[in-house]
Amino acid sequence: MRYWFPVLIYCLLIIIQSSRPSPECLPHLPYMDKFLHFAGYGLLGALFLRAYKTLSMRNRTGLLVTISILSAFIFGITDEIHQYYVPRRSSDLMDLMADLLGSAFGVFLYQLIHANRYHHAAGVSE
């Protein structure tokens, strides 16, 4: 529960946020919404990987990385479909691309940090 609860809460927060009309008071910076998608789904991808590492297949790193990215991306697809039906929201293919790239970045960053911590804890020198 300690590892899956953050995934569930974060997904719920994304759904709540995307159920509201787009905020009009945000500063208009080029591609800001894409950056927010990238960062948000980067965190979701990392949370998925953290949770999947608690399963019996935790030693199958390639599989965990793949399903973590896919899980976050599939959630992104469902959220974009959901946004299509929310007034003053839209569904955007480029948002999906930012979700996918952000998910991959978050997963790989989490894996890199986790691997570095493991090597330092094990006393492995560079």
Protein backbone atom coordinates (compact mmCIF):
# COMPACT_ATOMS: atom_id res chain seq x y z
CA MET A 1 0.00 0.00 0.00
CA ARG A 2 2.89 2.34 0.77
CA TYR A 3 4.05 2.16 -2.84
CA TRP A 4 0.73 2.03 -4.70
CA PHE A 5 -1.15 4.65 -2.67
CA PRO A 6 0.92 7.57 -4.10
CA VAL A 7 0.18 6.31 -7.64
CA LEU A 8 -3.55 6.22 -6.95
CA ILE A 9 -3.60 9.63 -5.24
CA TYR A 10 -1.56 11.24 -8.03
CA CYS A 11 -3.84 9.76 -10.72
CA LEU A 12 -6.84 11.07 -8.80
CA LEU A 13 -5.26 14.55 -8.65
CA ILE A 14 -4.68 14.49 -12.41
CA ILE A 15 -8.33 13.51 -13.00
CA ILE A 16 -9.57 16.26 -10.68
CA GLN A 17 -7.37 18.86 -12.38
CA SER A 18 -8.38 17.79 -15.88
CA SER A 19 -12.07 17.81 -14.92
CA ARG A 20 -11.93 21.57 -14.52
CA PRO A 21 -11.91 24.07 -17.37
CA SER A 22 -8.46 25.22 -18.45
CA PRO A 23 -7.16 27.96 -16.18
CA GLU A 24 -7.11 31.29 -17.96
CA CYS A 25 -4.90 33.09 -15.44
CA LEU A 26 -1.68 31.18 -16.18
CA PRO A 27 1.07 33.29 -17.74
CA HIS A 28 1.24 32.69 -21.45
CA LEU A 29 4.65 31.16 -22.00
CA PRO A 30 5.35 29.22 -25.18
CA TYR A 31 4.85 25.48 -24.69
CA MET A 32 4.20 25.87 -20.94
CA ASP A 33 1.36 23.34 -21.12
CA LYS A 34 3.66 20.81 -22.81
CA PHE A 35 6.26 21.31 -20.08
CA LEU A 36 3.58 20.75 -17.43
CA HIS A 37 2.49 17.53 -19.17
CA PHE A 38 6.12 16.41 -19.45
CA ALA A 39 6.85 17.09 -15.77
CA GLY A 40 3.55 15.72 -14.50
CA TYR A 41 3.82 12.47 -16.40
CA GLY A 42 7.51 12.22 -15.53
CA LEU A 43 6.45 12.03 -11.91
CA LEU A 44 3.69 9.54 -12.73
CA GLY A 45 6.11 7.29 -14.63
CA ALA A 46 8.55 7.35 -11.69
CA LEU A 47 5.74 6.55 -9.25
CA PHE A 48 4.66 3.60 -11.39
CA LEU A 49 8.23 2.27 -11.52
CA ARG A 50 8.61 2.67 -7.76
CA ALA A 51 5.40 0.71 -7.23
CA TYR A 52 6.15 -1.99 -9.81
CA LYS A 53 9.51 -2.62 -8.13
CA THR A 54 7.58 -4.10 -5.19
CA LEU A 55 6.19 -6.94 -7.32
CA SER A 56 7.71 -10.39 -7.69
CA MET A 57 9.19 -9.40 -11.08
CA ARG A 58 11.28 -6.61 -9.49
CA ASN A 59 14.52 -8.01 -10.96
CA ARG A 60 13.27 -7.75 -14.54
CA THR A 61 14.35 -4.14 -15.02
CA GLY A 62 13.60 -3.88 -18.74
CA LEU A 63 10.07 -5.16 -18.26
CA LEU A 64 9.47 -2.84 -15.30
CA VAL A 65 10.72 0.18 -17.23
CA THR A 66 8.50 -0.70 -20.19
CA ILE A 67 5.32 -1.29 -18.22
CA SER A 68 5.93 1.83 -16.12
CA ILE A 69 6.18 4.02 -19.22
CA LEU A 70 3.20 2.28 -20.82
CA SER A 71 1.09 2.55 -17.67
CA ALA A 72 1.67 6.29 -17.39
CA PHE A 73 1.13 6.77 -21.13
CA ILE A 74 -2.10 4.76 -21.18
CA PHE A 75 -3.34 6.83 -18.26
CA GLY A 76 -2.41 9.92 -20.31
CA ILE A 77 -4.45 8.62 -23.26
CA THR A 78 -7.50 8.08 -21.05
CA ASP A 79 -7.06 11.54 -19.55
CA GLU A 80 -6.89 13.16 -22.99
CA ILE A 81 -10.08 11.34 -23.98
CA HIS A 82 -11.68 12.52 -20.74
CA GLN A 83 -10.60 16.13 -21.41
CA TYR A 84 -12.27 16.02 -24.82
CA TYR A 85 -15.63 15.98 -23.00
CA VAL A 86 -14.80 18.67 -20.42
CA PRO A 87 -16.07 22.17 -21.29
CA ARG A 88 -13.26 24.60 -22.19
CA ARG A 89 -10.76 21.76 -22.38
CA SER A 90 -9.39 20.04 -25.44
CA SER A 91 -7.68 16.85 -26.37
CA ASP A 92 -4.29 17.33 -27.98
CA LEU A 93 -1.96 14.87 -29.69
CA MET A 94 1.05 16.98 -28.69
CA ASP A 95 -0.01 16.72 -25.03
CA LEU A 96 0.08 12.94 -25.47
CA MET A 97 3.58 13.19 -26.92
CA ALA A 98 4.67 15.26 -23.91
CA ASP A 99 3.05 12.66 -21.63
CA LEU A 100 4.96 9.83 -23.31
CA LEU A 101 8.30 11.63 -23.32
CA GLY A 102 7.82 12.81 -19.75
CA SER A 103 6.90 9.29 -18.61
CA ALA A 104 10.03 7.88 -20.21
CA PHE A 105 12.20 10.63 -18.73
CA GLY A 106 10.75 10.14 -15.24
CA VAL A 107 11.20 6.37 -15.37
CA PHE A 108 14.78 6.58 -16.60
CA LEU A 109 15.66 9.31 -14.10
CA TYR A 110 14.18 7.26 -11.24
CA GLN A 111 16.07 4.18 -12.44
CA LEU A 112 19.31 6.16 -12.68
CA ILE A 113 18.92 7.59 -9.19
CA HIS A 114 17.92 4.21 -7.77
CA ALA A 115 20.91 2.50 -9.42
CA ASN A 116 23.32 5.16 -8.08
CA ARG A 117 21.95 4.79 -4.55
CA TYR A 118 22.32 1.02 -4.79
CA HIS A 119 25.95 1.29 -5.92
CA HIS A 120 26.81 3.79 -3.18
CA ALA A 121 25.06 1.72 -0.51
CA ALA A 122 26.90 -1.39 -1.68
CA GLY A 123 30.23 0.43 -1.45
CA VAL A 124 30.95 0.24 -5.17
CA SER A 125 33.52 2.85 -6.14
CA GLU A 126 33.78 4.54 -9.48
